[in-house]
N, C-alpha and C. Protein backbone atom coordinates (compact mmCIF):
# COMPACT_ATOMS: atom_id res chain seq x y z
N MET A 1 -12.07 -51.52 -127.48
CA MET A 1 -11.25 -50.91 -128.28
C MET A 1 -12.16 -50.01 -128.87
N GLU A 2 -11.79 -48.71 -129.61
CA GLU A 2 -12.62 -47.61 -130.14
C GLU A 2 -11.94 -48.28 -131.72
N SER A 3 -12.89 -48.04 -132.63
CA SER A 3 -12.44 -48.41 -134.27
C SER A 3 -12.24 -47.50 -134.70
N LYS A 4 -10.82 -47.21 -135.11
CA LYS A 4 -10.51 -46.27 -135.89
C LYS A 4 -9.80 -46.56 -137.45
N THR A 5 -9.83 -45.27 -138.74
CA THR A 5 -9.49 -45.37 -139.70
C THR A 5 -8.46 -44.92 -140.09
N ASP A 6 -7.38 -44.85 -140.64
CA ASP A 6 -6.38 -43.79 -141.14
C ASP A 6 -6.26 -44.43 -142.51
N THR A 7 -5.54 -43.65 -143.39
CA THR A 7 -5.05 -44.01 -144.72
C THR A 7 -3.36 -43.58 -145.13
N VAL A 8 -2.64 -44.70 -145.13
CA VAL A 8 -1.58 -44.49 -145.46
C VAL A 8 -1.25 -44.80 -146.90
N LYS A 9 -0.12 -44.20 -147.85
CA LYS A 9 0.39 -44.43 -148.96
C LYS A 9 1.83 -45.32 -148.61
N PHE A 10 1.86 -46.23 -149.69
CA PHE A 10 3.02 -46.85 -149.72
C PHE A 10 4.00 -46.18 -150.63
N THR A 11 5.56 -46.20 -150.37
CA THR A 11 6.38 -45.54 -151.35
C THR A 11 6.74 -46.36 -152.24
N SER A 12 7.68 -46.10 -153.44
CA SER A 12 7.67 -46.89 -154.05
C SER A 12 8.58 -48.00 -153.91
N LYS A 13 9.47 -48.23 -152.91
CA LYS A 13 9.76 -49.36 -152.12
C LYS A 13 9.27 -50.44 -151.68
N GLY A 14 7.72 -50.00 -151.36
CA GLY A 14 6.26 -50.58 -150.96
C GLY A 14 6.58 -50.46 -148.94
N GLN A 15 7.02 -49.57 -148.85
CA GLN A 15 7.20 -49.28 -147.48
C GLN A 15 6.15 -48.00 -146.96
N LEU A 16 5.41 -47.98 -145.83
CA LEU A 16 4.46 -47.56 -145.52
C LEU A 16 4.57 -46.63 -143.98
N VAL A 17 3.75 -45.88 -143.50
CA VAL A 17 4.35 -45.30 -141.92
C VAL A 17 3.30 -45.63 -141.47
N ILE A 18 3.34 -46.12 -140.38
CA ILE A 18 1.99 -46.30 -139.32
C ILE A 18 1.84 -45.74 -138.75
N PRO A 19 0.40 -44.80 -138.48
CA PRO A 19 0.12 -43.32 -137.89
C PRO A 19 0.84 -43.73 -136.11
N ASN A 20 1.14 -42.64 -135.41
CA ASN A 20 1.83 -42.58 -134.15
C ASN A 20 0.65 -43.05 -133.19
N TRP A 21 -0.27 -43.15 -133.77
CA TRP A 21 -1.65 -43.61 -133.01
C TRP A 21 -1.77 -44.99 -132.69
N VAL A 22 -1.29 -46.05 -133.96
CA VAL A 22 -1.46 -46.97 -133.79
C VAL A 22 0.32 -47.40 -133.33
N ARG A 23 1.15 -46.84 -133.28
CA ARG A 23 2.57 -47.47 -132.72
C ARG A 23 2.43 -47.79 -131.45
N LYS A 24 1.82 -46.20 -130.99
CA LYS A 24 1.38 -46.34 -129.74
C LYS A 24 0.30 -47.24 -128.89
N GLN A 25 -0.61 -47.90 -129.51
CA GLN A 25 -1.80 -48.29 -128.90
C GLN A 25 -0.61 -50.27 -129.13
N PHE A 26 -0.04 -49.93 -130.15
CA PHE A 26 0.60 -51.91 -129.92
C PHE A 26 2.08 -51.49 -129.65
N GLY A 27 2.39 -50.42 -129.27
CA GLY A 27 3.75 -50.76 -128.40
C GLY A 27 4.71 -50.59 -129.38
N ILE A 28 4.60 -50.15 -130.92
CA ILE A 28 5.43 -50.26 -131.95
C ILE A 28 6.78 -49.20 -131.93
N LYS A 29 7.76 -49.99 -131.26
CA LYS A 29 9.04 -48.84 -131.72
C LYS A 29 10.39 -49.28 -132.48
N GLU A 30 10.89 -48.43 -132.96
CA GLU A 30 12.25 -48.73 -134.37
C GLU A 30 12.89 -49.75 -133.93
N GLY A 31 12.44 -50.60 -135.08
CA GLY A 31 13.40 -51.82 -135.06
C GLY A 31 12.74 -53.31 -134.59
N THR A 32 10.85 -52.45 -134.71
CA THR A 32 10.08 -53.88 -133.96
C THR A 32 9.94 -54.78 -135.27
N LYS A 33 9.67 -55.96 -134.98
CA LYS A 33 9.22 -56.71 -136.79
C LYS A 33 8.00 -56.59 -136.29
N ALA A 34 7.46 -57.48 -137.43
CA ALA A 34 5.76 -57.57 -137.68
C ALA A 34 5.76 -58.56 -138.75
N ASN A 35 4.72 -59.62 -138.17
CA ASN A 35 4.59 -60.91 -138.96
C ASN A 35 3.50 -60.48 -140.30
N VAL A 36 3.71 -60.54 -141.25
CA VAL A 36 2.52 -60.29 -142.57
C VAL A 36 1.78 -61.44 -143.10
N SER A 37 1.12 -61.29 -143.22
CA SER A 37 0.20 -62.13 -143.56
C SER A 37 -0.90 -62.26 -144.43
N VAL A 38 -1.33 -62.46 -145.67
CA VAL A 38 -2.50 -62.52 -147.04
C VAL A 38 -4.04 -63.24 -146.10
N VAL A 39 -4.67 -62.20 -146.00
CA VAL A 39 -5.81 -63.10 -145.58
C VAL A 39 -6.83 -62.54 -146.79
N LYS A 40 -8.04 -63.10 -146.32
CA LYS A 40 -9.19 -63.09 -147.69
C LYS A 40 -9.35 -61.66 -147.90
N ASP A 41 -9.57 -60.33 -147.11
CA ASP A 41 -9.91 -58.87 -147.33
C ASP A 41 -8.60 -58.26 -147.60
N GLY A 42 -7.39 -58.55 -146.94
CA GLY A 42 -6.43 -57.70 -147.29
C GLY A 42 -5.27 -58.49 -146.64
N ILE A 43 -4.06 -57.25 -146.57
CA ILE A 43 -3.12 -57.93 -145.65
C ILE A 43 -2.73 -57.73 -144.13
N LEU A 44 -2.61 -58.12 -143.64
CA LEU A 44 -2.75 -58.16 -142.14
C LEU A 44 -1.26 -57.76 -141.45
N LEU A 45 -1.19 -56.76 -140.58
CA LEU A 45 0.57 -56.86 -139.85
C LEU A 45 0.18 -57.41 -138.48
N ARG A 46 1.25 -58.06 -137.92
CA ARG A 46 0.97 -58.21 -136.39
C ARG A 46 2.34 -57.93 -135.99
N PRO A 47 2.04 -57.19 -134.96
CA PRO A 47 3.81 -56.66 -134.56
C PRO A 47 4.23 -57.63 -133.81
N VAL A 48 5.91 -57.85 -133.51
CA VAL A 48 5.91 -58.95 -132.82
C VAL A 48 6.76 -58.04 -131.65
N THR A 49 5.83 -57.54 -130.54
CA THR A 49 6.45 -56.79 -129.59
C THR A 49 6.57 -58.05 -127.65
N LYS A 50 7.16 -57.76 -127.11
CA LYS A 50 6.95 -57.88 -125.76
C LYS A 50 5.67 -58.39 -125.52
N GLU A 51 5.26 -57.56 -125.66
CA GLU A 51 3.49 -57.68 -125.11
C GLU A 51 3.47 -58.85 -125.83
N THR A 52 2.83 -58.88 -127.05
CA THR A 52 2.70 -59.62 -128.04
C THR A 52 2.94 -61.52 -127.63
N VAL A 53 4.51 -61.30 -127.46
CA VAL A 53 5.03 -62.95 -126.95
C VAL A 53 5.10 -62.92 -125.99
N ALA A 54 4.87 -61.86 -124.77
CA ALA A 54 4.43 -62.25 -123.82
C ALA A 54 2.63 -63.31 -123.40
N ARG A 55 1.92 -62.50 -124.19
CA ARG A 55 0.68 -63.02 -124.13
C ARG A 55 0.59 -64.50 -124.85
N LEU A 56 1.28 -64.55 -126.35
CA LEU A 56 1.66 -65.92 -126.87
C LEU A 56 1.85 -67.13 -125.40
N GLN A 57 3.00 -66.48 -124.69
CA GLN A 57 3.54 -67.90 -123.98
C GLN A 57 2.39 -68.00 -123.10
N GLY A 58 1.86 -67.00 -122.70
CA GLY A 58 0.94 -67.53 -121.61
C GLY A 58 -0.39 -68.18 -121.99
N ALA A 59 -0.60 -68.44 -123.19
CA ALA A 59 -1.66 -68.86 -124.19
C ALA A 59 -1.16 -70.73 -124.22
N LEU A 60 0.35 -70.54 -124.88
CA LEU A 60 1.15 -71.64 -124.55
C LEU A 60 0.86 -72.64 -123.49
N ARG A 61 0.74 -72.04 -122.09
CA ARG A 61 1.21 -72.57 -121.01
C ARG A 61 -0.15 -73.11 -120.50
N GLY A 62 -0.86 -71.97 -120.63
CA GLY A 62 -2.78 -72.78 -120.61
C GLY A 62 -2.93 -73.81 -121.82
N SER A 63 -2.13 -74.07 -122.68
CA SER A 63 -2.69 -75.50 -123.51
C SER A 63 -2.07 -76.63 -123.37
N THR A 64 -2.99 -77.31 -123.45
CA THR A 64 -2.37 -79.53 -123.29
C THR A 64 -2.44 -79.91 -124.35
N THR A 65 -1.60 -80.53 -124.56
CA THR A 65 -1.59 -81.79 -126.13
C THR A 65 -1.74 -83.39 -125.41
N GLU A 66 -2.71 -83.83 -126.36
CA GLU A 66 -3.19 -84.63 -125.87
C GLU A 66 -2.58 -86.19 -127.31
N ASN A 67 -1.67 -86.95 -126.62
CA ASN A 67 -1.56 -88.28 -127.59
C ASN A 67 -2.10 -89.37 -127.72
């Protein structure tokens, strides 16, 4: 994946527009939810899409728990 950067601006309501190239890359459509986290270097947005949910389910299927 190539590293690309863009600058966005927050509105008075704290909203911002995610650039189209980012929305396409991550399958973000109208109504897509995202998890927001505070990390050491800033804010991390993780879109909750069918693809990310499927990837998480696959990772959980492959994990085992030991008692």
